[in-house]
C-alpha cells in the first residue's frame, strides 16, 4: 500500500479529479470525468488510492486538530488552546472553522469512496473479482467517514452517490439511521469473497482494507448501539482473522518502524517519507531536541499521568514517596522537582515563584523525584518523558541523550537539558511516536504508520461487550492479556487486593482506564469518552487543565454547556442546505 501511495503522489495532479477544497465546494463528478477516470484499470486504481489518501489527513499536518487533545489524556499547549481548541475553554461558536473543516473533510472522503463504488464496475480491463474487492474497500472507507461524522454530530445527511453542488440538500438522518447504514456498508464489505481476511507483513497490498478491519469497525458501531452480543460476535471474528498482540518486545517497541506491520496492526494510516505525507506526530508531540525541531504543542495531562499505577497494581500516591506532598500548595511543592545544585540566581527566582525551598535537597532532589516514576506501569515511560528521564534527540546534527531537568539551563554541552520549547514551565512531553536520535531527519517526513485499529483495542472492546452482558470473569481474562503484554500485575492476581474486581461495575471502570493507558496519543479516546458518557466528568473535572507536573495550572478547562456533547452543524453548511437542522443549544 505504501508503494501504491507513492504512485498516487506522482500521478494525483493529473489523474485524480478530486478537489481538496471539501464537500460542497468542489467540482461535481460528471459523465465526462467518470468516463476518463474509469476508462482503464490504471486510472481507476489511482482514484481508489485517492480514496485511501483522505485517511491520512489527521496525521500529516501540524495544523490539524488532534482528537486526543479533546480527551482526558492530552492537553494543548498554552499557546494553542484559545486558537485551535476554544471548545475546551467554553468560547466556541457554531461558526468556528473546526466544525466546517471536519464536516467537509469527512464528506470529501465519502465522495471519493462513492466515486469508486458507483463507477469502477465499468472499467473495461479490470477483473470482476478485483472490482468487487475495490468496491468493498471503499464501502469500508465510506463507513469509516460516516462513523466519524456520527460520533461527533449524532445524525447527518447521508449520500451514497455524488451530486452537483446545489443538489446536496438532504436533511439529517437520525443517529440510529446512520449507524444502521454504516452497518449495511460493512455487511457488504465482509460478504465480498475477494476481500482478504488479513494481509501478511511484506505484502505489497499491506495497508488496504481487510475483513478484519471491517469486523472491528462494525463491532465498534454495535458498541455505540449497545448491541453487546453483536459486538462480541464481531470482535471474536477479528480474533479468528489471525491478528494477535505484539509480544516479541516491549509495549514501546510496538510503535517503531520495524514493527509497524506486525500482527497487532489491523488498520493503519500509511505514512511515507515525503513532506506532507509522513506523520506529523514527531512535530506536534516532539520537543526542540527532536531532529527537525519539533513544537511540543501537545503534552500529556498531568492528572492522566498520575493515574498510572505501580507495576504491582498499587494506586500511585505522591504521599507514598514524599509524605505531605498532597497537602502542599502546588507552587510550594514545585521544590521537589528542581534539579540538584541550584545556583543562587535560580533559588531566588524559584522562591519568588512560590517554591518552598526548605523542602529542597540540593544533592538528592533529582533521585528523590525520579523514584516516583521508577516502579510505575512501563507504558508510562513509553508514552511520557518524565522528570529526569533521558530522551535521545538529534536536532544538533548527531544523536544526543538529553535529560529533562528544571529549571532549564541549556541543551548544549555541558548541561544537555531537554528543551521542550516552553522551558519556563515543566509539563509532561510526549515520547510515543516521537522519532529517536537521527532516525527521522525531518519531523514532517516521519514514515512511521499510525494505527487506527489495533488488536489490543479489539481485546478491550471485546472485554467491554462481554462485561456488559454480565460475563465479567471473561472480561477480566481479556483485560489481563493486554496487561500481561504491558508488564504489569494482572487483575485478580492471588493475594493482590489492589487489583481485585468482583462484578461488572468494577470491571467496567478497569476497562476504561486500561483503554486510556493503552491507547493514549493514538487519537481514539475522545470518541470513546463520548460514547461512555464520561467526557464531561473526566476532561472538565474540577481543577483539570494544562497543569505543570506539580499541579499548578496555566489554564483550566471550562464546560460550555450541554451543547458540547454534540458538534455544531457548520453555519456555512446550513446556509447552503436549508434542510439541515442544528443540534440543540447551538443557535
Protein backbone atom coordinates (compact mmCIF):
# COMPACT_ATOMS: atom_id res chain seq x y z
CA UNK A 1 0.00 0.00 0.00
CA UNK A 2 2.87 2.39 0.67
CA UNK A 3 4.06 1.68 -2.86
CA UNK A 4 0.57 2.49 -4.14
CA UNK A 5 0.51 5.71 -2.15
CA UNK A 6 3.85 6.71 -3.63
CA UNK A 7 2.39 6.18 -7.09
CA UNK A 8 -0.58 8.31 -6.11
CA UNK A 9 1.66 11.22 -5.13
CA UNK A 10 3.25 11.15 -8.58
CA UNK A 11 0.00 10.88 -10.53
CA UNK A 12 -2.60 12.68 -8.43
CA UNK A 13 -2.20 16.07 -10.09
CA UNK A 14 -3.17 14.75 -13.49
CA UNK A 15 -5.10 11.57 -12.78
CA UNK A 16 -7.33 12.12 -9.75
CA UNK A 17 -10.05 14.67 -10.47
CA UNK A 18 -10.88 15.25 -6.80
CA UNK A 19 -10.60 18.69 -5.26
CA UNK A 20 -9.12 19.21 -1.80
CA UNK A 21 -11.48 22.08 -1.12
CA UNK A 22 -14.11 19.99 0.65
CA UNK A 23 -17.63 18.73 0.31
CA UNK A 24 -19.85 21.27 -1.37
CA UNK A 25 -17.15 23.45 -2.87
CA UNK A 26 -15.60 21.06 -5.35
CA UNK A 27 -16.46 20.40 -8.99
CA UNK A 28 -19.01 17.60 -9.29
CA UNK A 29 -18.18 14.26 -10.79
CA UNK A 30 -19.86 14.14 -14.15
CA UNK A 31 -20.15 11.76 -17.07
CA UNK A 32 -17.05 13.07 -18.80
CA UNK A 33 -14.77 12.95 -15.79
CA UNK A 34 -16.01 9.49 -14.77
CA UNK A 35 -15.60 8.24 -18.31
CA UNK A 36 -11.96 9.31 -18.36
CA UNK A 37 -11.08 8.15 -14.86
CA UNK A 38 -12.69 4.74 -15.20
CA UNK A 39 -11.58 4.08 -18.77
CA UNK A 40 -8.66 1.91 -17.62
CA UNK A 41 -7.59 -0.10 -14.60
CA UNK A 42 -4.52 2.09 -14.09
CA UNK A 43 -6.54 5.30 -13.82
CA UNK A 44 -9.23 3.63 -11.73
CA UNK A 45 -6.62 2.41 -9.26
CA UNK A 46 -5.42 5.98 -8.85
CA UNK A 47 -8.94 7.01 -7.87
CA UNK A 48 -9.03 4.20 -5.30
CA UNK A 49 -5.71 5.42 -3.93
CA UNK A 50 -7.20 8.90 -3.72
CA UNK A 51 -9.98 7.48 -1.55
CA UNK A 52 -7.38 5.99 0.78
CA UNK A 53 -5.32 9.17 0.90
CA UNK A 54 -8.09 11.05 2.69
CA UNK A 55 -7.44 8.84 5.75
CA UNK A 56 -4.03 10.39 6.41
CA UNK A 57 -5.28 13.97 6.87
CA UNK A 58 -5.37 13.74 10.66
CA UNK A 59 -1.73 12.71 10.85
CA UNK A 60 0.29 14.64 8.26
CA UNK A 61 -0.07 18.28 9.24
CA UNK A 62 0.84 20.13 12.40
CA UNK A 63 -2.09 22.45 11.73
CA UNK A 64 -4.91 19.89 12.10
CA UNK A 65 -6.64 19.06 15.35
CA UNK A 66 -5.57 16.09 17.42
CA UNK A 67 -8.66 14.34 18.73
CA UNK A 68 -6.86 13.02 21.80
CA UNK A 69 -6.41 16.66 22.84
CA UNK A 70 -10.19 16.69 23.39
CA UNK A 71 -9.89 13.60 25.60
CA UNK A 72 -8.72 13.36 29.20
CA UNK A 73 -5.22 12.12 28.32
CA UNK A 74 -3.72 15.10 26.50
CA UNK A 75 -3.62 18.90 26.64
CA UNK A 76 -2.91 21.58 24.02
CA UNK A 77 0.00 23.80 24.97
CA UNK A 78 -0.88 27.20 26.39
CA UNK A 79 -0.06 28.88 23.06
CA UNK A 80 -2.56 26.70 21.14
CA UNK A 81 -5.58 26.35 23.39
CA UNK A 82 -7.50 29.53 22.53
CA UNK A 83 -6.56 29.47 18.85
CA UNK A 84 -7.23 25.83 17.99
CA UNK A 85 -9.21 24.35 20.89
CA UNK A 86 -11.67 27.01 22.14
CA UNK A 87 -14.10 24.10 22.52
CA UNK A 88 -12.23 23.33 25.74
CA UNK A 89 -12.45 26.88 27.06
CA UNK A 90 -16.19 27.39 26.73
CA UNK A 91 -15.86 30.01 24.00
CA UNK A 92 -16.56 28.22 20.72
CA UNK A 93 -19.46 29.26 18.46
CA UNK A 94 -21.24 27.29 15.73
CA UNK A 95 -19.38 29.26 13.06
CA UNK A 96 -15.95 28.09 14.23
CA UNK A 97 -13.74 26.71 11.48
CA UNK A 98 -13.12 23.35 13.13
CA UNK A 99 -16.75 22.32 12.58
CA UNK A 100 -16.60 23.32 8.93
CA UNK A 101 -13.18 21.76 8.31
CA UNK A 102 -14.06 18.31 9.59
CA UNK A 103 -17.55 18.25 8.12
CA UNK A 104 -16.07 18.97 4.71
CA UNK A 105 -13.17 16.59 5.11
CA UNK A 106 -15.26 13.61 6.14
CA UNK A 107 -17.68 14.23 3.30
CA UNK A 108 -14.77 14.59 0.91
CA UNK A 109 -13.71 11.09 1.94
CA UNK A 110 -17.26 9.87 1.38
CA UNK A 111 -17.34 11.45 -2.10
CA UNK A 112 -14.09 9.78 -3.05
CA UNK A 113 -15.41 6.42 -1.89
CA UNK A 114 -18.75 6.96 -3.66
CA UNK A 115 -16.97 7.61 -6.94
CA UNK A 116 -15.28 4.22 -6.83
CA UNK A 117 -18.33 2.33 -5.59
CA UNK A 118 -20.58 3.71 -8.33
CA UNK A 119 -18.18 3.73 -11.28
CA UNK A 120 -15.44 1.12 -11.07
CA UNK A 121 -17.81 -1.59 -12.27
CA UNK A 122 -17.46 -0.33 -15.85
CA UNK A 123 -13.67 -0.36 -16.07
CA UNK A 124 -13.02 -2.48 -19.20
CA UNK A 125 -9.66 -4.03 -18.33
CA UNK A 126 -10.16 -4.94 -14.65
CA UNK A 127 -11.20 -8.39 -13.43
CA UNK A 128 -14.59 -8.65 -11.78
CA UNK A 129 -13.10 -10.05 -8.58
CA UNK A 130 -10.78 -7.07 -8.25
CA UNK A 131 -13.62 -4.65 -8.95
CA UNK A 132 -15.63 -6.27 -6.15
CA UNK A 133 -12.67 -6.01 -3.82
CA UNK A 134 -12.10 -2.32 -4.53
CA UNK A 135 -15.80 -1.62 -4.01
CA UNK A 136 -15.66 -3.45 -0.68
CA UNK A 137 -12.61 -1.42 0.35
CA UNK A 138 -14.39 1.83 -0.47
CA UNK A 139 -17.52 0.71 1.33
CA UNK A 140 -15.32 0.42 4.41
CA UNK A 141 -13.82 3.86 3.79
CA UNK A 142 -17.29 5.38 3.35
CA UNK A 143 -18.43 3.66 6.54
CA UNK A 144 -15.35 4.91 8.39
CA UNK A 145 -16.02 8.54 7.46
CA UNK A 146 -19.71 8.27 8.34
CA UNK A 147 -18.66 6.65 11.63
CA UNK A 148 -16.55 9.67 12.50
CA UNK A 149 -19.28 12.09 11.44
CA UNK A 150 -21.83 10.28 13.58
CA UNK A 151 -19.57 10.13 16.64
CA UNK A 152 -19.33 13.93 16.58
CA UNK A 153 -22.68 15.14 15.18
CA UNK A 154 -25.04 12.24 16.03
CA UNK A 155 -27.04 12.33 12.85
CA UNK A 156 -26.01 13.75 9.45
CA UNK A 157 -27.21 13.81 5.82
CA UNK A 158 -26.50 10.55 4.01
CA UNK A 159 -25.27 10.45 0.41
CA UNK A 160 -24.29 7.26 -1.39
CA UNK A 161 -23.67 8.91 -4.74
CA UNK A 162 -22.05 12.17 -5.84
CA UNK A 163 -24.16 15.09 -6.94
CA UNK A 164 -23.81 18.58 -8.34
CA UNK A 165 -23.04 21.13 -5.60
CA UNK A 166 -26.56 22.55 -5.46
CA UNK A 167 -28.09 19.07 -5.14
CA UNK A 168 -26.70 18.28 -1.67
CA UNK A 169 -29.95 19.16 0.08
CA UNK A 170 -30.77 16.05 2.10
CA UNK A 171 -31.96 16.61 5.68
CA UNK A 172 -30.16 14.91 8.54
CA UNK A 173 -30.89 11.27 9.22
CA UNK A 174 -31.06 10.25 12.85
CA UNK A 175 -28.05 8.93 14.70
CA UNK A 176 -29.60 5.46 14.74
CA UNK A 177 -30.28 5.53 10.97
CA UNK A 178 -26.66 6.45 10.26
CA UNK A 179 -25.37 3.62 12.47
CA UNK A 180 -27.58 1.19 10.55
CA UNK A 181 -26.40 2.48 7.17
CA UNK A 182 -22.79 2.11 8.30
CA UNK A 183 -23.50 -1.47 9.33
CA UNK A 184 -25.08 -2.09 5.93
CA UNK A 185 -21.90 -1.00 4.15
CA UNK A 186 -19.75 -3.13 6.44
CA UNK A 187 -22.04 -6.14 5.93
CA UNK A 188 -21.43 -5.93 2.18
CA UNK A 189 -17.73 -5.37 2.75
CA UNK A 190 -17.45 -8.55 4.83
CA UNK A 191 -19.55 -10.52 2.33
CA UNK A 192 -17.10 -9.75 -0.51
CA UNK A 193 -15.45 -13.05 -1.41
CA UNK A 194 -12.33 -11.43 -2.85
CA UNK A 195 -11.63 -9.18 0.14
CA UNK A 196 -8.77 -10.77 2.13
CA UNK A 197 -9.21 -11.54 5.80
CA UNK A 198 -5.77 -10.14 6.61
CA UNK A 199 -2.56 -9.15 4.83
CA UNK A 200 0.78 -10.51 5.92
CA UNK A 201 3.62 -8.14 6.67
CA UNK A 202 5.59 -7.63 3.47
CA UNK A 203 2.58 -7.98 1.20
CA UNK A 204 2.53 -5.27 -1.49
CA UNK A 205 -1.12 -4.72 -0.55
CA UNK A 206 -0.47 -4.33 3.17
CA UNK A 207 -2.42 -1.31 4.43
CA UNK A 208 -5.52 -1.96 2.35
CA UNK A 209 -8.84 -2.69 4.00
CA UNK A 210 -9.40 -6.26 5.17
CA UNK A 211 -12.32 -8.20 6.59
CA UNK A 212 -10.58 -7.99 9.95
CA UNK A 213 -10.81 -4.19 9.81
CA UNK A 214 -14.46 -4.35 8.73
CA UNK A 215 -15.39 -6.69 11.59
CA UNK A 216 -13.63 -4.38 14.05
CA UNK A 217 -15.36 -1.22 12.81
CA UNK A 218 -18.75 -2.94 12.74
CA UNK A 219 -18.14 -4.11 16.29
CA UNK A 220 -17.45 -0.53 17.37
CA UNK A 221 -20.75 0.58 15.82
CA UNK A 222 -22.55 -2.12 17.80
CA UNK A 223 -20.90 -0.77 20.95
CA UNK A 224 -22.39 2.65 20.22
CA UNK A 225 -25.78 0.98 19.76
CA UNK A 226 -25.29 -1.07 22.97
CA UNK A 227 -25.81 -4.22 20.95
CA UNK A 228 -23.40 -6.12 23.14
CA UNK A 229 -23.92 -9.61 21.72
CA UNK A 230 -23.48 -8.47 18.12
CA UNK A 231 -20.38 -6.51 19.13
CA UNK A 232 -18.99 -9.59 20.83
CA UNK A 233 -19.51 -11.66 17.68
CA UNK A 234 -17.68 -9.14 15.54
CA UNK A 235 -14.69 -8.82 17.86
CA UNK A 236 -14.44 -12.61 18.12
CA UNK A 237 -14.44 -12.70 14.32
CA UNK A 238 -11.44 -10.32 14.35
CA UNK A 239 -9.64 -12.75 16.69
CA UNK A 240 -10.33 -15.53 14.17
CA UNK A 241 -8.71 -13.48 11.39
CA UNK A 242 -5.19 -14.19 12.67
CA UNK A 243 -4.35 -10.95 14.48
CA UNK A 244 -2.52 -11.09 17.79
CA UNK A 245 -0.79 -8.91 20.38
CA UNK A 246 2.80 -7.98 19.66
CA UNK A 247 4.86 -9.77 22.31
CA UNK A 248 8.30 -10.03 20.72
CA UNK A 249 9.37 -6.86 22.54
CA UNK A 250 8.03 -4.22 24.89
CA UNK A 251 4.98 -2.00 24.50
CA UNK A 252 7.34 0.81 23.48
CA UNK A 253 8.80 -1.33 20.68
CA UNK A 254 5.37 -1.66 19.13
CA UNK A 255 5.48 1.95 17.90
CA UNK A 256 8.65 1.68 15.85
CA UNK A 257 9.28 1.20 12.13
CA UNK A 258 10.37 -2.46 12.39
CA UNK A 259 7.02 -3.37 13.97
CA UNK A 260 4.57 -1.09 12.16
CA UNK A 261 3.32 -4.08 10.13
CA UNK A 262 3.19 -6.63 12.94
CA UNK A 263 0.11 -8.78 13.52
CA UNK A 264 -1.32 -6.35 16.07
CA UNK A 265 -1.99 -3.70 13.44
CA UNK A 266 -5.43 -4.17 11.86
CA UNK A 267 -5.81 -0.87 10.02
CA UNK A 268 -3.28 1.95 9.94
CA UNK A 269 -2.73 5.30 8.28
CA UNK A 270 0.04 4.56 5.79
CA UNK A 271 2.90 7.04 6.01
CA UNK A 272 5.79 7.62 3.62
CA UNK A 273 8.94 9.67 3.97
CA UNK A 274 7.79 12.65 1.93
CA UNK A 275 6.95 16.16 3.03
CA UNK A 276 3.28 16.30 3.90
CA UNK A 277 2.86 12.53 3.69
CA UNK A 278 4.77 11.39 6.75
CA UNK A 279 3.18 11.55 10.16
CA UNK A 280 3.41 14.88 11.96
CA UNK A 281 3.32 13.41 15.46
CA UNK A 282 7.05 13.93 15.81
CA UNK A 283 6.44 17.63 15.20
CA UNK A 284 3.38 18.10 17.41
CA UNK A 285 4.42 15.66 20.17
CA UNK A 286 8.17 16.13 19.94
CA UNK A 287 10.41 18.75 21.52
CA UNK A 288 13.07 21.18 20.37
CA UNK A 289 15.74 18.46 20.67
CA UNK A 290 13.86 16.22 18.22
CA UNK A 291 15.52 16.11 14.81
CA UNK A 292 13.83 18.83 12.77
CA UNK A 293 13.00 20.96 15.85
CA UNK A 294 9.51 19.92 16.96
CA UNK A 295 6.88 22.13 18.62
CA UNK A 296 5.77 20.26 21.77
CA UNK A 297 2.35 21.74 21.00
CA UNK A 298 0.60 18.84 22.76
CA UNK A 299 1.54 17.40 26.15
CA UNK A 300 0.20 14.70 28.42
CA UNK A 301 -2.38 15.67 31.00
CA UNK A 302 -0.86 15.71 34.50
CA UNK A 303 -3.85 14.01 36.12
CA UNK A 304 -3.71 11.30 33.47
CA UNK A 305 0.00 10.70 34.20
CA UNK A 306 -0.80 10.44 37.90
CA UNK A 307 -3.43 7.77 37.13
CA UNK A 308 -0.73 5.26 36.10
CA UNK A 309 -0.39 2.64 38.81
CA UNK A 310 2.68 0.92 40.14
CA UNK A 311 3.80 -2.22 38.32
CA UNK A 312 2.19 -4.33 41.06
CA UNK A 313 -1.13 -2.51 40.67
CA UNK A 314 -0.84 -0.32 43.72
CA UNK A 315 -2.53 3.05 43.09
CA UNK A 316 0.02 5.82 42.71
CA UNK A 317 0.05 8.34 45.57
CA UNK A 318 2.60 11.14 45.88
CA UNK A 319 2.42 10.90 49.66
CA UNK A 320 3.93 7.41 49.48
CA UNK A 321 7.12 8.93 48.05
CA UNK A 322 7.08 12.39 49.61
CA UNK A 323 5.00 12.44 52.81
CA UNK A 324 2.78 15.51 52.97
CA UNK A 325 3.09 16.25 49.25
CA UNK A 326 -0.66 16.24 48.54
CA UNK A 327 -1.48 18.81 51.23
CA UNK A 328 1.05 21.33 49.95
CA UNK A 329 0.24 24.26 47.67
CA UNK A 330 1.23 23.24 44.10
CA UNK A 331 3.72 26.08 43.76
CA UNK A 332 5.31 25.25 47.11
CA UNK A 333 5.81 21.58 46.18
CA UNK A 334 7.48 22.52 42.91
CA UNK A 335 10.62 22.43 45.08
CA UNK A 336 10.63 18.63 44.82
CA UNK A 337 11.05 18.79 41.02
CA UNK A 338 14.10 21.06 40.96
CA UNK A 339 17.49 19.99 39.69
CA UNK A 340 20.37 19.37 42.06
CA UNK A 341 22.79 22.18 42.91
CA UNK A 342 20.70 25.21 42.05
CA UNK A 343 22.53 28.50 41.58
CA UNK A 344 21.77 31.42 43.85
CA UNK A 345 20.01 33.17 40.99
CA UNK A 346 17.82 30.11 40.34
CA UNK A 347 16.95 29.86 44.02
CA UNK A 348 15.92 33.50 44.12
CA UNK A 349 13.72 33.16 41.03
CA UNK A 350 12.04 29.96 42.22
CA UNK A 351 11.48 31.34 45.69
CA UNK A 352 9.76 34.34 44.14
CA UNK A 353 7.59 31.93 42.10
CA UNK A 354 6.45 30.27 45.33
CA UNK A 355 8.64 27.17 45.66
CA UNK A 356 9.22 26.20 49.29
CA UNK A 357 12.99 25.79 49.20
CA UNK A 358 13.03 24.44 52.76
CA UNK A 359 11.82 21.21 51.07
CA UNK A 360 14.69 21.21 48.56
CA UNK A 361 17.53 18.67 48.78
CA UNK A 362 20.47 20.15 46.82
CA UNK A 363 22.29 16.81 46.48
CA UNK A 364 19.41 14.34 46.23
CA UNK A 365 16.45 16.19 44.74
CA UNK A 366 16.69 14.51 41.34
CA UNK A 367 16.94 11.00 42.77
CA UNK A 368 14.03 11.60 45.15
CA UNK A 369 11.62 12.70 42.43
CA UNK A 370 12.84 10.07 39.95
CA UNK A 371 11.89 7.35 42.40
CA UNK A 372 8.24 8.30 42.00
CA UNK A 373 8.35 7.17 38.36
CA UNK A 374 10.71 4.19 38.57
CA UNK A 375 8.21 1.46 39.52
CA UNK A 376 5.21 2.58 37.51
CA UNK A 377 3.36 0.83 34.68
CA UNK A 378 6.00 0.61 31.89
CA UNK A 379 3.57 2.19 29.46
CA UNK A 380 4.05 5.50 31.26
CA UNK A 381 7.76 5.58 30.40
CA UNK A 382 6.90 4.63 26.81
CA UNK A 383 4.35 7.43 26.46
CA UNK A 384 5.80 10.26 28.57
CA UNK A 385 9.14 11.97 29.11
CA UNK A 386 9.05 12.15 32.89
CA UNK A 387 11.26 14.46 35.02
CA UNK A 388 14.93 13.44 34.99
CA UNK A 389 14.41 10.73 32.39
CA UNK A 390 16.52 10.67 29.22
CA UNK A 391 15.39 11.33 25.66
CA UNK A 392 17.63 10.75 22.65
CA UNK A 393 17.32 13.65 20.22
CA UNK A 394 19.18 14.62 17.09
CA UNK A 395 18.42 18.27 16.35
CA UNK A 396 22.05 19.23 16.88
CA UNK A 397 23.10 17.02 13.94
CA UNK A 398 24.08 13.94 15.94
CA UNK A 399 22.23 11.66 18.35
CA UNK A 400 22.47 13.09 21.87
CA UNK A 401 20.94 11.96 25.17
CA UNK A 402 19.16 14.85 26.86
CA UNK A 403 17.85 14.83 30.44
CA UNK A 404 14.58 16.54 31.34
CA UNK A 405 15.58 18.93 34.15
CA UNK A 406 14.10 22.04 35.73
CA UNK A 407 14.90 24.86 35.73
CA UNK A 408 16.22 24.59 32.20
CA UNK A 409 19.73 25.86 31.53
CA UNK A 410 20.90 24.84 28.07
CA UNK A 411 20.57 21.95 25.67
CA UNK A 412 24.22 22.32 24.71
CA UNK A 413 27.20 20.81 26.48
CA UNK A 414 27.82 20.59 29.42
CA UNK A 415 24.17 20.65 30.53
CA UNK A 416 22.36 18.71 27.78
CA UNK A 417 18.95 19.66 29.19
CA UNK A 418 15.84 18.69 27.26
CA UNK A 419 14.37 21.77 25.58
CA UNK A 420 10.59 21.37 25.43
CA UNK A 421 10.02 24.74 23.68
CA UNK A 422 8.31 26.05 26.82
CA UNK A 423 11.32 25.95 29.09
CA UNK A 424 9.80 28.34 31.64
CA UNK A 425 7.39 25.55 32.58
CA UNK A 426 7.60 21.82 33.30
CA UNK A 427 4.93 19.66 31.67
CA UNK A 428 4.93 16.02 30.55
CA UNK A 429 6.26 15.95 26.95
CA UNK A 430 5.17 13.01 24.81
CA UNK A 431 7.57 10.22 23.89
CA UNK A 432 5.21 7.91 21.96
CA UNK A 433 5.55 8.24 18.15
CA UNK A 434 8.36 10.80 18.51
CA UNK A 435 11.46 9.95 16.49
CA UNK A 436 14.59 8.99 18.40
CA UNK A 437 18.11 10.21 17.68
CA UNK A 438 18.64 10.67 13.97
CA UNK A 439 16.15 8.00 12.89
CA UNK A 440 13.98 10.56 11.09
CA UNK A 441 15.70 13.55 9.57
CA UNK A 442 12.62 15.77 9.25
CA UNK A 443 9.65 15.92 11.59
CA UNK A 444 7.19 16.18 8.69
CA UNK A 445 8.70 13.21 6.84
CA UNK A 446 8.25 10.54 9.54
CA UNK A 447 7.33 7.31 7.71
CA UNK A 448 6.00 5.51 10.82
CA UNK A 449 2.42 4.34 10.26
CA UNK A 450 -0.22 5.44 12.77
CA UNK A 451 -2.54 2.66 13.96
CA UNK A 452 -6.25 3.39 13.65
CA UNK A 453 -7.42 -0.06 14.77
CA UNK A 454 -5.12 -2.48 16.55
CA UNK A 455 -5.65 -5.80 18.29
CA UNK A 456 -5.18 -4.54 21.86
CA UNK A 457 -8.11 -2.18 21.28
CA UNK A 458 -10.19 -5.07 19.93
CA UNK A 459 -9.46 -7.15 23.03
CA UNK A 460 -10.60 -4.31 25.28
CA UNK A 461 -13.69 -3.74 23.13
CA UNK A 462 -14.49 -7.44 23.41
CA UNK A 463 -13.95 -7.22 27.16
CA UNK A 464 -16.48 -4.38 27.29
CA UNK A 465 -19.00 -6.29 25.18
CA UNK A 466 -18.90 -9.44 27.32
CA UNK A 467 -18.78 -7.49 30.58
CA UNK A 468 -21.96 -5.59 29.68
CA UNK A 469 -23.63 -8.97 29.23
CA UNK A 470 -22.63 -9.93 32.77
CA UNK A 471 -19.66 -12.13 31.89
CA UNK A 472 -17.18 -10.08 33.87
CA UNK A 473 -14.90 -13.07 34.52
CA UNK A 474 -14.09 -13.45 30.80
CA UNK A 475 -13.70 -9.68 30.56
CA UNK A 476 -11.00 -9.94 33.25
CA UNK A 477 -9.18 -12.57 31.18
CA UNK A 478 -9.23 -10.33 28.10
CA UNK A 479 -8.02 -7.26 30.01
CA UNK A 480 -5.25 -9.36 31.52
CA UNK A 481 -4.00 -10.26 28.04
CA UNK A 482 -3.30 -6.56 27.47
CA UNK A 483 -1.89 -6.05 30.96
CA UNK A 484 0.42 -9.04 30.61
CA UNK A 485 1.96 -7.60 27.45
CA UNK A 486 2.37 -4.27 29.25
CA UNK A 487 4.33 -5.97 32.03
CA UNK A 488 2.03 -5.13 34.95
CA UNK A 489 0.30 -7.29 37.55
CA UNK A 490 -2.94 -8.98 36.49
CA UNK A 491 -6.44 -8.29 37.71
CA UNK A 492 -7.49 -10.67 40.49
CA UNK A 493 -3.90 -11.87 40.95
CA UNK A 494 -3.82 -14.06 44.10
CA UNK A 495 -3.20 -12.00 47.21
CA UNK A 496 -3.28 -8.65 45.36
CA UNK A 497 -6.10 -6.64 46.90
CA UNK A 498 -5.32 -3.58 44.78
CA UNK A 499 -6.35 -5.39 41.62
CA UNK A 500 -9.38 -7.21 42.97
CA UNK A 501 -12.57 -6.94 40.88
CA UNK A 502 -15.76 -8.83 41.57
CA UNK A 503 -18.56 -7.52 39.38
CA UNK A 504 -19.37 -5.83 36.08
CA UNK A 505 -19.24 -2.32 37.56
CA UNK A 506 -15.70 -2.65 38.87
CA UNK A 507 -14.54 -4.32 35.64
CA UNK A 508 -16.15 -1.55 33.56
CA UNK A 509 -14.04 1.05 35.33
CA UNK A 510 -10.95 -1.08 34.77
CA UNK A 511 -11.61 -1.47 31.05
CA UNK A 512 -11.99 2.27 30.61
CA UNK A 513 -8.76 3.09 32.43
CA UNK A 514 -6.94 0.34 30.56
CA UNK A 515 -8.01 1.86 27.25
CA UNK A 516 -6.63 5.23 28.27
CA UNK A 517 -3.28 3.78 29.33
CA UNK A 518 -3.03 1.56 26.27
CA UNK A 519 -4.29 3.88 23.51
CA UNK A 520 -3.07 7.31 24.64
CA UNK A 521 -1.87 9.56 21.79
CA UNK A 522 -3.44 7.41 19.05
CA UNK A 523 -6.45 9.68 18.50
CA UNK A 524 -9.14 7.17 19.56
CA UNK A 525 -10.08 8.20 23.10
CA UNK A 526 -12.27 11.27 22.54
CA UNK A 527 -14.84 9.16 20.69
CA UNK A 528 -14.68 6.54 23.42
CA UNK A 529 -15.25 9.06 26.21
CA UNK A 530 -18.19 10.50 24.28
CA UNK A 531 -19.64 7.00 23.84
CA UNK A 532 -19.17 6.12 27.52
CA UNK A 533 -20.74 9.39 28.60
CA UNK A 534 -17.71 10.14 30.80
CA UNK A 535 -16.21 13.00 28.79
CA UNK A 536 -17.56 15.88 30.86
CA UNK A 537 -16.61 14.24 34.16
CA UNK A 538 -13.05 13.44 33.06
CA UNK A 539 -11.99 16.28 30.79
CA UNK A 540 -13.80 19.02 32.69
CA UNK A 541 -13.22 17.73 36.21
CA UNK A 542 -12.66 20.45 38.81
CA UNK A 543 -9.13 21.77 38.54
CA UNK A 544 -8.29 19.97 35.31
CA UNK A 545 -6.47 21.81 32.56
CA UNK A 546 -2.89 22.38 31.49
CA UNK A 547 -1.10 21.70 34.76
CA UNK A 548 2.61 21.73 35.42
CA UNK A 549 3.93 18.43 36.75
CA UNK A 550 3.45 19.67 40.33
CA UNK A 551 -0.19 20.62 39.65
CA UNK A 552 -0.06 24.40 39.18
CA UNK A 553 -2.38 25.40 36.31
CA UNK A 554 -1.58 27.58 33.31
CA UNK A 555 -5.22 27.33 32.27
CA UNK A 556 -8.27 25.32 33.30
CA UNK A 557 -10.94 23.71 31.15
CA UNK A 558 -14.37 25.35 31.13
CA UNK A 559 -17.52 23.38 30.39
CA UNK A 560 -19.58 25.27 27.83
CA UNK A 561 -22.89 23.54 28.49
CA UNK A 562 -24.81 20.55 27.18
CA UNK A 563 -24.33 21.70 23.58
CA UNK A 564 -20.82 20.31 23.85
CA UNK A 565 -21.99 16.70 23.78
CA UNK A 566 -22.54 17.11 20.03
CA UNK A 567 -20.69 19.25 17.49
CA UNK A 568 -22.44 22.18 15.86
CA UNK A 569 -23.71 21.82 12.30
CA UNK A 570 -21.46 24.31 10.46
CA UNK A 571 -23.22 27.61 9.90
CA UNK A 572 -21.96 27.75 6.31
CA UNK A 573 -23.47 24.32 5.56
CA UNK A 574 -26.84 25.35 6.98
CA UNK A 575 -26.81 28.34 4.65
CA UNK A 576 -26.15 26.07 1.65
CA UNK A 577 -28.62 23.38 2.71
CA UNK A 578 -31.67 24.91 4.39
CA UNK A 579 -32.96 21.41 5.23
CA UNK A 580 -30.25 20.99 7.86
CA UNK A 581 -31.38 21.35 11.46
CA UNK A 582 -28.98 22.45 14.17
CA UNK A 583 -28.05 20.39 17.23
CA UNK A 584 -29.64 21.55 20.47
CA UNK A 585 -28.34 24.66 22.24
CA UNK A 586 -26.02 25.85 19.43
CA UNK A 587 -28.22 28.53 17.84
